Amino acid sequence: MSSIPLSVYLVVALLLFCIGMFGVLTKRNAVIVLISIELMLNAVMINFVAFAIHGVNPGITGQVFALFGITVAAAEAAVGLAILIALYRNRRTVNVDEMDLMKR
């Protein structure tokens, strides 16, 4: 059993999620927005592992979900970066306000 209380894990996850949400909502650079989304996903992974350790039935399920989530996040980051590179080659910008191709 861990000596670190559950509340510490939850506070760290909350801080990471808030920092990520702040980045998504306020930044205009698409790379920063993608990094902020990754921070929010990592906050969720911390919660999975924390509840797996301190939950009612402690087990390995939370770690398995966290590994699955990390895999999905890595794939999401690769696809997101590929889309950003393609957009940059066409538009010469990474500003999300100028990525309005679907509106035209």
PDB file of N, CA and C in Angstrom:
ATOM      1  N   MET A   1       0.845  -1.181   0.000  1.00  0.00           N
ATOM      2  CA  MET A   1       0.000   0.000   0.000  1.00  0.00           C
ATOM      3  C   MET A   1       0.884   1.236   0.000  1.00  0.00           C
ATOM      4  N   SER A   2       0.436   2.252  -0.672  1.00  0.00           N
ATOM      5  CA  SER A   2       1.209   3.476  -0.807  1.00  0.00           C
ATOM      6  C   SER A   2       1.057   4.344   0.446  1.00  0.00           C
ATOM      7  N   SER A   3       2.141   5.054   0.807  1.00  0.00           N
ATOM      8  CA  SER A   3       2.072   5.952   1.939  1.00  0.00           C
ATOM      9  C   SER A   3       1.573   7.333   1.544  1.00  0.00           C
ATOM     10  N   ILE A   4       1.485   7.583   0.248  1.00  0.00           N
ATOM     11  CA  ILE A   4       0.978   8.868  -0.237  1.00  0.00           C
ATOM     12  C   ILE A   4      -0.541   8.796  -0.273  1.00  0.00           C
ATOM     13  N   PRO A   5      -1.216   9.747   0.373  1.00  0.00           N
ATOM     14  CA  PRO A   5      -2.686   9.687   0.402  1.00  0.00           C
ATOM     15  C   PRO A   5      -3.291   9.977  -0.970  1.00  0.00           C
ATOM     16  N   LEU A   6      -4.523   9.517  -1.166  1.00  0.00           N
ATOM     17  CA  LEU A   6      -5.226   9.674  -2.436  1.00  0.00           C
ATOM     18  C   LEU A   6      -5.402  11.142  -2.794  1.00  0.00           C
ATOM     19  N   SER A   7      -5.585  11.983  -1.787  1.00  0.00           N
ATOM     20  CA  SER A   7      -5.836  13.401  -2.062  1.00  0.00           C
ATOM     21  C   SER A   7      -4.660  14.073  -2.772  1.00  0.00           C
ATOM     22  N   VAL A   8      -3.447  13.623  -2.494  1.00  0.00           N
ATOM     23  CA  VAL A   8      -2.274  14.206  -3.159  1.00  0.00           C
ATOM     24  C   VAL A   8      -2.320  13.894  -4.652  1.00  0.00           C
ATOM     25  N   TYR A   9      -2.642  12.641  -4.996  1.00  0.00           N
ATOM     26  CA  TYR A   9      -2.760  12.271  -6.415  1.00  0.00           C
ATOM     27  C   TYR A   9      -3.849  13.101  -7.096  1.00  0.00           C
ATOM     28  N   LEU A  10      -4.971  13.268  -6.411  1.00  0.00           N
ATOM     29  CA  LEU A  10      -6.085  13.998  -7.010  1.00  0.00           C
ATOM     30  C   LEU A  10      -5.756  15.477  -7.195  1.00  0.00           C
ATOM     31  N   VAL A  11      -5.037  16.058  -6.254  1.00  0.00           N
ATOM     32  CA  VAL A  11      -4.660  17.470  -6.386  1.00  0.00           C
ATOM     33  C   VAL A  11      -3.687  17.655  -7.549  1.00  0.00           C
ATOM     34  N   VAL A  12      -2.709  16.759  -7.666  1.00  0.00           N
ATOM     35  CA  VAL A  12      -1.761  16.851  -8.783  1.00  0.00           C
ATOM     36  C   VAL A  12      -2.504  16.695 -10.116  1.00  0.00           C
ATOM     37  N   ALA A  13      -3.412  15.736 -10.182  1.00  0.00           N
ATOM     38  CA  ALA A  13      -4.187  15.540 -11.408  1.00  0.00           C
ATOM     39  C   ALA A  13      -5.054  16.763 -11.701  1.00  0.00           C
ATOM     40  N   LEU A  14      -5.640  17.339 -10.682  1.00  0.00           N
ATOM     41  CA  LEU A  14      -6.463  18.541 -10.876  1.00  0.00           C
ATOM     42  C   LEU A  14      -5.626  19.694 -11.405  1.00  0.00           C
ATOM     43  N   LEU A  15      -4.433  19.880 -10.835  1.00  0.00           N
ATOM     44  CA  LEU A  15      -3.559  20.956 -11.314  1.00  0.00           C
ATOM     45  C   LEU A  15      -3.150  20.737 -12.766  1.00  0.00           C
ATOM     46  N   LEU A  16      -2.766  19.522 -13.105  1.00  0.00           N
ATOM     47  CA  LEU A  16      -2.390  19.225 -14.493  1.00  0.00           C
ATOM     48  C   LEU A  16      -3.556  19.464 -15.434  1.00  0.00           C
ATOM     49  N   PHE A  17      -4.739  19.024 -15.036  1.00  0.00           N
ATOM     50  CA  PHE A  17      -5.912  19.195 -15.888  1.00  0.00           C
ATOM     51  C   PHE A  17      -6.240  20.676 -16.066  1.00  0.00           C
ATOM     52  N   CYS A  18      -6.131  21.464 -14.993  1.00  0.00           N
ATOM     53  CA  CYS A  18      -6.421  22.899 -15.088  1.00  0.00           C
ATOM     54  C   CYS A  18      -5.395  23.616 -15.967  1.00  0.00           C
ATOM     55  N   ILE A  19      -4.124  23.247 -15.829  1.00  0.00           N
ATOM     56  CA  ILE A  19      -3.096  23.854 -16.680  1.00  0.00           C
ATOM     57  C   ILE A  19      -3.367  23.517 -18.148  1.00  0.00           C
ATOM     58  N   GLY A  20      -3.724  22.249 -18.404  1.00  0.00           N
ATOM     59  CA  GLY A  20      -4.045  21.849 -19.773  1.00  0.00           C
ATOM     60  C   GLY A  20      -5.260  22.576 -20.313  1.00  0.00           C
ATOM     61  N   MET A  21      -6.287  22.703 -19.504  1.00  0.00           N
ATOM     62  CA  MET A  21      -7.499  23.395 -19.957  1.00  0.00           C
ATOM     63  C   MET A  21      -7.213  24.872 -20.209  1.00  0.00           C
ATOM     64  N   PHE A  22      -6.391  25.482 -19.360  1.00  0.00           N
ATOM     65  CA  PHE A  22      -6.005  26.879 -19.580  1.00  0.00           C
ATOM     66  C   PHE A  22      -5.286  27.025 -20.918  1.00  0.00           C
ATOM     67  N   GLY A  23      -4.391  26.088 -21.214  1.00  0.00           N
ATOM     68  CA  GLY A  23      -3.668  26.145 -22.483  1.00  0.00           C
ATOM     69  C   GLY A  23      -4.580  25.969 -23.680  1.00  0.00           C
ATOM     70  N   VAL A  24      -5.536  25.054 -23.570  1.00  0.00           N
ATOM     71  CA  VAL A  24      -6.458  24.818 -24.693  1.00  0.00           C
ATOM     72  C   VAL A  24      -7.344  26.035 -24.928  1.00  0.00           C
ATOM     73  N   LEU A  25      -7.797  26.647 -23.859  1.00  0.00           N
ATOM     74  CA  LEU A  25      -8.756  27.739 -24.002  1.00  0.00           C
ATOM     75  C   LEU A  25      -8.120  29.084 -24.328  1.00  0.00           C
ATOM     76  N   THR A  26      -6.858  29.290 -23.985  1.00  0.00           N
ATOM     77  CA  THR A  26      -6.281  30.616 -24.152  1.00  0.00           C
ATOM     78  C   THR A  26      -5.222  30.728 -25.235  1.00  0.00           C
ATOM     79  N   LYS A  27      -4.564  29.652 -25.592  1.00  0.00           N
ATOM     80  CA  LYS A  27      -3.459  29.743 -26.545  1.00  0.00           C
ATOM     81  C   LYS A  27      -3.966  29.601 -27.970  1.00  0.00           C
ATOM     82  N   ARG A  28      -3.321  30.258 -28.908  1.00  0.00           N
ATOM     83  CA  ARG A  28      -3.700  30.236 -30.320  1.00  0.00           C
ATOM     84  C   ARG A  28      -2.758  29.373 -31.146  1.00  0.00           C
ATOM     85  N   ASN A  29      -1.620  28.972 -30.575  1.00  0.00           N
ATOM     86  CA  ASN A  29      -0.669  28.125 -31.284  1.00  0.00           C
ATOM     87  C   ASN A  29      -1.157  26.681 -31.212  1.00  0.00           C
ATOM     88  N   ALA A  30      -1.277  26.026 -32.363  1.00  0.00           N
ATOM     89  CA  ALA A  30      -1.835  24.676 -32.408  1.00  0.00           C
ATOM     90  C   ALA A  30      -0.946  23.661 -31.706  1.00  0.00           C
ATOM     91  N   VAL A  31       0.348  23.865 -31.730  1.00  0.00           N
ATOM     92  CA  VAL A  31       1.262  22.933 -31.044  1.00  0.00           C
ATOM     93  C   VAL A  31       1.052  23.024 -29.533  1.00  0.00           C
ATOM     94  N   ILE A  32       0.891  24.232 -29.026  1.00  0.00           N
ATOM     95  CA  ILE A  32       0.649  24.416 -27.590  1.00  0.00           C
ATOM     96  C   ILE A  32      -0.691  23.803 -27.204  1.00  0.00           C
ATOM     97  N   VAL A  33      -1.679  23.945 -28.053  1.00  0.00           N
ATOM     98  CA  VAL A  33      -2.995  23.344 -27.781  1.00  0.00           C
ATOM     99  C   VAL A  33      -2.870  21.824 -27.717  1.00  0.00           C
ATOM    100  N   LEU A  34      -2.104  21.233 -28.639  1.00  0.00           N
ATOM    101  CA  LEU A  34      -1.900  19.780 -28.630  1.00  0.00           C
ATOM    102  C   LEU A  34      -1.174  19.330 -27.366  1.00  0.00           C
ATOM    103  N   ILE A  35      -0.174  20.068 -26.951  1.00  0.00           N
ATOM    104  CA  ILE A  35       0.546  19.742 -25.719  1.00  0.00           C
ATOM    105  C   ILE A  35      -0.384  19.868 -24.508  1.00  0.00           C
ATOM    106  N   SER A  36      -1.246  20.862 -24.531  1.00  0.00           N
ATOM    107  CA  SER A  36      -2.199  21.047 -23.422  1.00  0.00           C
ATOM    108  C   SER A  36      -3.193  19.894 -23.346  1.00  0.00           C
ATOM    109  N   ILE A  37      -3.607  19.396 -24.486  1.00  0.00           N
ATOM    110  CA  ILE A  37      -4.500  18.230 -24.490  1.00  0.00           C
ATOM    111  C   ILE A  37      -3.784  17.015 -23.906  1.00  0.00           C
ATOM    112  N   GLU A  38      -2.499  16.884 -24.202  1.00  0.00           N
ATOM    113  CA  GLU A  38      -1.726  15.777 -23.634  1.00  0.00           C
ATOM    114  C   GLU A  38      -1.627  15.910 -22.113  1.00  0.00           C
ATOM    115  N   LEU A  39      -1.489  17.135 -21.616  1.00  0.00           N
ATOM    116  CA  LEU A  39      -1.470  17.339 -20.162  1.00  0.00           C
ATOM    117  C   LEU A  39      -2.783  16.890 -19.531  1.00  0.00           C
ATOM    118  N   MET A  40      -3.892  17.207 -20.193  1.00  0.00           N
ATOM    119  CA  MET A  40      -5.191  16.803 -19.662  1.00  0.00           C
ATOM    120  C   MET A  40      -5.329  15.282 -19.666  1.00  0.00           C
ATOM    121  N   LEU A  41      -4.833  14.627 -20.709  1.00  0.00           N
ATOM    122  CA  LEU A  41      -4.877  13.159 -20.738  1.00  0.00           C
ATOM    123  C   LEU A  41      -4.003  12.554 -19.640  1.00  0.00           C
ATOM    124  N   ASN A  42      -2.849  13.157 -19.393  1.00  0.00           N
ATOM    125  CA  ASN A  42      -1.979  12.653 -18.326  1.00  0.00           C
ATOM    126  C   ASN A  42      -2.628  12.811 -16.957  1.00  0.00           C
ATOM    127  N   ALA A  43      -3.408  13.860 -16.760  1.00  0.00           N
ATOM    128  CA  ALA A  43      -4.141  14.017 -15.505  1.00  0.00           C
ATOM    129  C   ALA A  43      -5.130  12.869 -15.315  1.00  0.00           C
ATOM    130  N   VAL A  44      -5.774  12.473 -16.382  1.00  0.00           N
ATOM    131  CA  VAL A  44      -6.704  11.340 -16.305  1.00  0.00           C
ATOM    132  C   VAL A  44      -5.954  10.052 -15.969  1.00  0.00           C
ATOM    133  N   MET A  45      -4.772   9.877 -16.543  1.00  0.00           N
ATOM    134  CA  MET A  45      -3.975   8.669 -16.260  1.00  0.00           C
ATOM    135  C   MET A  45      -3.561   8.617 -14.790  1.00  0.00           C
ATOM    136  N   ILE A  46      -3.220   9.765 -14.224  1.00  0.00           N
ATOM    137  CA  ILE A  46      -2.869   9.811 -12.796  1.00  0.00           C
ATOM    138  C   ILE A  46      -4.064   9.375 -11.960  1.00  0.00           C
ATOM    139  N   ASN A  47      -5.249   9.822 -12.345  1.00  0.00           N
ATOM    140  CA  ASN A  47      -6.449   9.400 -11.615  1.00  0.00           C
ATOM    141  C   ASN A  47      -6.685   7.902 -11.735  1.00  0.00           C
ATOM    142  N   PHE A  48      -6.493   7.331 -12.919  1.00  0.00           N
ATOM    143  CA  PHE A  48      -6.647   5.882 -13.092  1.00  0.00           C
ATOM    144  C   PHE A  48      -5.727   5.118 -12.143  1.00  0.00           C
ATOM    145  N   VAL A  49      -4.462   5.512 -12.107  1.00  0.00           N
ATOM    146  CA  VAL A  49      -3.493   4.800 -11.272  1.00  0.00           C
ATOM    147  C   VAL A  49      -3.789   5.032  -9.784  1.00  0.00           C
ATOM    148  N   ALA A  50      -4.163   6.256  -9.436  1.00  0.00           N
ATOM    149  CA  ALA A  50      -4.449   6.552  -8.024  1.00  0.00           C
ATOM    150  C   ALA A  50      -5.643   5.742  -7.522  1.00  0.00           C
ATOM    151  N   PHE A  51      -6.691   5.679  -8.318  1.00  0.00           N
ATOM    152  CA  PHE A  51      -7.853   4.908  -7.877  1.00  0.00           C
ATOM    153  C   PHE A  51      -7.593   3.412  -7.933  1.00  0.00           C
ATOM    154  N   ALA A  52      -6.668   2.982  -8.776  1.00  0.00           N
ATOM    155  CA  ALA A  52      -6.298   1.566  -8.774  1.00  0.00           C
ATOM    156  C   ALA A  52      -5.558   1.196  -7.495  1.00  0.00           C
ATOM    157  N   ILE A  53      -4.773   2.139  -6.981  1.00  0.00           N
ATOM    158  CA  ILE A  53      -4.012   1.865  -5.758  1.00  0.00           C
ATOM    159  C   ILE A  53      -4.898   2.020  -4.526  1.00  0.00           C
ATOM    160  N   HIS A  54      -5.707   3.099  -4.483  1.00  0.00           N
ATOM    161  CA  HIS A  54      -6.471   3.430  -3.285  1.00  0.00           C
ATOM    162  C   HIS A  54      -7.952   3.107  -3.401  1.00  0.00           C
ATOM    163  N   GLY A  55      -8.377   2.424  -4.421  1.00  0.00           N
ATOM    164  CA  GLY A  55      -9.793   2.159  -4.611  1.00  0.00           C
ATOM    165  C   GLY A  55     -10.337   1.130  -3.641  1.00  0.00           C
ATOM    166  N   VAL A  56     -11.609   0.824  -3.806  1.00  0.00           N
ATOM    167  CA  VAL A  56     -12.258  -0.152  -2.935  1.00  0.00           C
ATOM    168  C   VAL A  56     -11.642  -1.537  -3.136  1.00  0.00           C
ATOM    169  N   ASN A  57     -11.431  -1.892  -4.394  1.00  0.00           N
ATOM    170  CA  ASN A  57     -10.785  -3.162  -4.728  1.00  0.00           C
ATOM    171  C   ASN A  57      -9.475  -2.870  -5.448  1.00  0.00           C
ATOM    172  N   PRO A  58      -8.384  -2.644  -4.693  1.00  0.00           N
ATOM    173  CA  PRO A  58      -7.118  -2.335  -5.354  1.00  0.00           C
ATOM    174  C   PRO A  58      -6.680  -3.481  -6.259  1.00  0.00           C
ATOM    175  N   GLY A  59      -6.232  -3.110  -7.431  1.00  0.00           N
ATOM    176  CA  GLY A  59      -5.801  -4.117  -8.389  1.00  0.00           C
ATOM    177  C   GLY A  59      -5.009  -3.491  -9.500  1.00  0.00           C
ATOM    178  N   ILE A  60      -4.882  -4.250 -10.548  1.00  0.00           N
ATOM    179  CA  ILE A  60      -4.058  -3.817 -11.670  1.00  0.00           C
ATOM    180  C   ILE A  60      -4.895  -3.187 -12.774  1.00  0.00           C
ATOM    181  N   THR A  61      -6.193  -3.136 -12.610  1.00  0.00           N
ATOM    182  CA  THR A  61      -7.072  -2.634 -13.663  1.00  0.00           C
ATOM    183  C   THR A  61      -6.754  -1.185 -14.024  1.00  0.00           C
ATOM    184  N   GLY A  62      -6.514  -0.344 -13.054  1.00  0.00           N
ATOM    185  CA  GLY A  62      -6.203   1.057 -13.318  1.00  0.00           C
ATOM    186  C   GLY A  62      -4.916   1.224 -14.098  1.00  0.00           C
ATOM    187  N   GLN A  63      -3.908   0.433 -13.754  1.00  0.00           N
ATOM    188  CA  GLN A  63      -2.648   0.512 -14.493  1.00  0.00           C
ATOM    189  C   GLN A  63      -2.828   0.056 -15.937  1.00  0.00           C
ATOM    190  N   VAL A  64      -3.654  -0.963 -16.133  1.00  0.00           N
ATOM    191  CA  VAL A  64      -3.907  -1.445 -17.498  1.00  0.00           C
ATOM    192  C   VAL A  64      -4.631  -0.370 -18.304  1.00  0.00           C
ATOM    193  N   PHE A  65      -5.626   0.272 -17.699  1.00  0.00           N
ATOM    194  CA  PHE A  65      -6.315   1.362 -18.393  1.00  0.00           C
ATOM    195  C   PHE A  65      -5.349   2.510 -18.669  1.00  0.00           C
ATOM    196  N   ALA A  66      -4.457   2.793 -17.736  1.00  0.00           N
ATOM    197  CA  ALA A  66      -3.484   3.868 -17.944  1.00  0.00           C
ATOM    198  C   ALA A  66      -2.547   3.538 -19.094  1.00  0.00           C
ATOM    199  N   LEU A  67      -2.072   2.313 -19.170  1.00  0.00           N
ATOM    200  CA  LEU A  67      -1.210   1.920 -20.297  1.00  0.00           C
ATOM    201  C   LEU A  67      -1.962   2.016 -21.615  1.00  0.00           C
ATOM    202  N   PHE A  68      -3.218   1.587 -21.635  1.00  0.00           N
ATOM    203  CA  PHE A  68      -4.031   1.713 -22.836  1.00  0.00           C
ATOM    204  C   PHE A  68      -4.202   3.186 -23.196  1.00  0.00           C
ATOM    205  N   GLY A  69      -4.454   4.026 -22.211  1.00  0.00           N
ATOM    206  CA  GLY A  69      -4.610   5.457 -22.454  1.00  0.00           C
ATOM    207  C   GLY A  69      -3.336   6.104 -22.967  1.00  0.00           C
ATOM    208  N   ILE A  70      -2.181   5.694 -22.432  1.00  0.00           N
ATOM    209  CA  ILE A  70      -0.906   6.232 -22.908  1.00  0.00           C
ATOM    210  C   ILE A  70      -0.690   5.853 -24.365  1.00  0.00           C
ATOM    211  N   THR A  71      -1.071   4.633 -24.716  1.00  0.00           N
ATOM    212  CA  THR A  71      -0.946   4.196 -26.105  1.00  0.00           C
ATOM    213  C   THR A  71      -1.837   5.026 -27.020  1.00  0.00           C
ATOM    214  N   VAL A  72      -3.067   5.232 -26.601  1.00  0.00           N
ATOM    215  CA  VAL A  72      -3.989   6.052 -27.398  1.00  0.00           C
ATOM    216  C   VAL A  72      -3.482   7.490 -27.487  1.00  0.00           C
ATOM    217  N   ALA A  73      -2.941   8.019 -26.391  1.00  0.00           N
ATOM    218  CA  ALA A  73      -2.419   9.391 -26.401  1.00  0.00           C
ATOM    219  C   ALA A  73      -1.230   9.521 -27.343  1.00  0.00           C
ATOM    220  N   ALA A  74      -0.375   8.511 -27.383  1.00  0.00           N
ATOM    221  CA  ALA A  74       0.770   8.554 -28.300  1.00  0.00           C
ATOM    222  C   ALA A  74       0.297   8.548 -29.751  1.00  0.00           C
ATOM    223  N   ALA A  75      -0.692   7.723 -30.047  1.00  0.00           N
ATOM    224  CA  ALA A  75      -1.242   7.690 -31.402  1.00  0.00           C
ATOM    225  C   ALA A  75      -1.918   9.018 -31.746  1.00  0.00           C
ATOM    226  N   GLU A  76      -2.638   9.581 -30.786  1.00  0.00           N
ATOM    227  CA  GLU A  76      -3.304  10.867 -30.999  1.00  0.00           C
ATOM    228  C   GLU A  76      -2.283  11.965 -31.247  1.00  0.00           C
ATOM    229  N   ALA A  77      -1.187  11.952 -30.518  1.00  0.00           N
ATOM    230  CA  ALA A  77      -0.152  12.963 -30.719  1.00  0.00           C
ATOM    231  C   ALA A  77       0.495  12.824 -32.093  1.00  0.00           C
ATOM    232  N   ALA A  78       0.733  11.592 -32.519  1.00  0.00           N
ATOM    233  CA  ALA A  78       1.341  11.384 -33.841  1.00  0.00           C
ATOM    234  C   ALA A  78       0.415  11.871 -34.949  1.00  0.00           C
ATOM    235  N   VAL A  79      -0.856  11.527 -34.856  1.00  0.00           N
ATOM    236  CA  VAL A  79      -1.817  11.973 -35.872  1.00  0.00           C
ATOM    237  C   VAL A  79      -1.986  13.486 -35.823  1.00  0.00           C
ATOM    238  N   GLY A  80      -2.051  14.043 -34.624  1.00  0.00           N
ATOM    239  CA  GLY A  80      -2.197  15.490 -34.482  1.00  0.00           C
ATOM    240  C   GLY A  80      -1.008  16.241 -35.062  1.00  0.00           C
ATOM    241  N   LEU A  81       0.203  15.767 -34.791  1.00  0.00           N
ATOM    242  CA  LEU A  81       1.383  16.422 -35.351  1.00  0.00           C
ATOM    243  C   LEU A  81       1.423  16.289 -36.866  1.00  0.00           C
ATOM    244  N   ALA A  82       1.008  15.139 -37.390  1.00  0.00           N
ATOM    245  CA  ALA A  82       0.967  14.967 -38.845  1.00  0.00           C
ATOM    246  C   ALA A  82      -0.029  15.945 -39.479  1.00  0.00           C
ATOM    247  N   ILE A  83      -1.176  16.120 -38.853  1.00  0.00           N
ATOM    248  CA  ILE A  83      -2.164  17.081 -39.363  1.00  0.00           C
ATOM    249  C   ILE A  83      -1.610  18.502 -39.284  1.00  0.00           C
ATOM    250  N   LEU A  84      -0.942  18.821 -38.178  1.00  0.00           N
ATOM    251  CA  LEU A  84      -0.370  20.163 -38.045  1.00  0.00           C
ATOM    252  C   LEU A  84       0.712  20.424 -39.081  1.00  0.00           C
ATOM    253  N   ILE A  85       1.538  19.435 -39.356  1.00  0.00           N
ATOM    254  CA  ILE A  85       2.581  19.617 -40.373  1.00  0.00           C
ATOM    255  C   ILE A  85       1.944  19.823 -41.745  1.00  0.00           C
ATOM    256  N   ALA A  86       0.911  19.056 -42.055  1.00  0.00           N
ATOM    257  CA  ALA A  86       0.222  19.234 -43.337  1.00  0.00           C
ATOM    258  C   ALA A  86      -0.426  20.609 -43.429  1.00  0.00           C
ATOM    259  N   LEU A  87      -1.040  21.059 -42.339  1.00  0.00           N
ATOM    260  CA  LEU A  87      -1.646  22.393 -42.350  1.00  0.00           C
ATOM    261  C   LEU A  87      -0.587  23.485 -42.488  1.00  0.00           C
ATOM    262  N   TYR A  88       0.532  23.296 -41.808  1.00  0.00           N
ATOM    263  CA  TYR A  88       1.597  24.302 -41.902  1.00  0.00           C
ATOM    264  C   TYR A  88       2.159  24.373 -43.312  1.00  0.00           C
ATOM    265  N   ARG A  89       2.296  23.240 -43.966  1.00  0.00           N
ATOM    266  CA  ARG A  89       2.814  23.254 -45.336  1.00  0.00           C
ATOM    267  C   ARG A  89       1.863  23.975 -46.280  1.00  0.00           C
ATOM    268  N   ASN A  90       0.563  23.869 -46.036  1.00  0.00           N
ATOM    269  CA  ASN A  90      -0.405  24.510 -46.915  1.00  0.00           C
ATOM    270  C   ASN A  90      -0.667  25.958 -46.557  1.00  0.00           C
ATOM    271  N   ARG A  91      -0.736  26.272 -45.265  1.00  0.00           N
ATOM    272  CA  ARG A  91      -1.153  27.611 -44.833  1.00  0.00           C
ATOM    273  C   ARG A  91      -0.013  28.474 -44.301  1.00  0.00           C
ATOM    274  N   ARG A  92       1.137  27.905 -43.997  1.00  0.00           N
ATOM    275  CA  ARG A  92       2.291  28.609 -43.429  1.00  0.00           C
ATOM    276  C   ARG A  92       1.982  29.268 -42.096  1.00  0.00           C
ATOM    277  N   THR A  93       1.121  28.648 -41.298  1.00  0.00           N
ATOM    278  CA  THR A  93       0.817  29.162 -39.965  1.00  0.00           C
ATOM    279  C   THR A  93       0.359  28.016 -39.064  1.00  0.00           C
ATOM    280  N   VAL A  94       0.553  28.191 -37.750  1.00  0.00           N
ATOM    281  CA  VAL A  94       0.039  27.234 -36.776  1.00  0.00           C
ATOM    282  C   VAL A  94      -0.975  27.900 -35.865  1.00  0.00           C
ATOM    283  N   ASN A  95      -1.428  29.089 -36.255  1.00  0.00           N
ATOM    284  CA  ASN A  95      -2.425  29.817 -35.474  1.00  0.00           C
ATOM    285  C   ASN A  95      -3.798  29.181 -35.703  1.00  0.00           C
ATOM    286  N   VAL A  96      -4.459  28.784 -34.623  1.00  0.00           N
ATOM    287  CA  VAL A  96      -5.746  28.096 -34.771  1.00  0.00           C
ATOM    288  C   VAL A  96      -6.841  29.028 -35.287  1.00  0.00           C
ATOM    289  N   ASP A  97      -6.688  30.333 -35.109  1.00  0.00           N
ATOM    290  CA  ASP A  97      -7.689  31.273 -35.627  1.00  0.00           C
ATOM    291  C   ASP A  97      -7.670  31.348 -37.151  1.00  0.00           C
ATOM    292  N   GLU A  98      -6.524  31.052 -37.745  1.00  0.00           N
ATOM    293  CA  GLU A  98      -6.403  31.110 -39.201  1.00  0.00           C
ATOM    294  C   GLU A  98      -6.697  29.778 -39.875  1.00  0.00           C
ATOM    295  N   MET A  99      -7.027  28.770 -39.095  1.00  0.00           N
ATOM    296  CA  MET A  99      -7.341  27.447 -39.654  1.00  0.00           C
ATOM    297  C   MET A  99      -8.849  27.325 -39.807  1.00  0.00           C
ATOM    298  N   ASP A 100      -9.385  28.065 -40.756  1.00  0.00           N
ATOM    299  CA  ASP A 100     -10.824  28.089 -40.977  1.00  0.00           C
ATOM    300  C   ASP A 100     -11.175  27.624 -42.383  1.00  0.00           C
ATOM    301  N   LEU A 101     -10.463  26.633 -42.851  1.00  0.00           N
ATOM    302  CA  LEU A 101     -10.655  26.142 -44.213  1.00  0.00           C
ATOM    303  C   LEU A 101     -12.062  25.603 -44.433  1.00  0.00           C
ATOM    304  N   MET A 102     -12.679  25.007 -43.410  1.00  0.00           N
ATOM    305  CA  MET A 102     -14.018  24.433 -43.553  1.00  0.00           C
ATOM    306  C   MET A 102     -15.103  25.506 -43.616  1.00  0.00           C
ATOM    307  N   LYS A 103     -14.798  26.725 -43.162  1.00  0.00           N
ATOM    308  CA  LYS A 103     -15.795  27.790 -43.168  1.00  0.00           C
ATOM    309  C   LYS A 103     -15.947  28.418 -44.543  1.00  0.00           C
ATOM    310  N   ARG A 104     -14.965  28.236 -45.409  1.00  0.00           N
ATOM    311  CA  ARG A 104     -15.001  28.880 -46.729  1.00  0.00           C
ATOM    312  C   ARG A 104     -15.788  28.072 -47.726  1.00  0.00           C
TER     313      ARG A 104
END
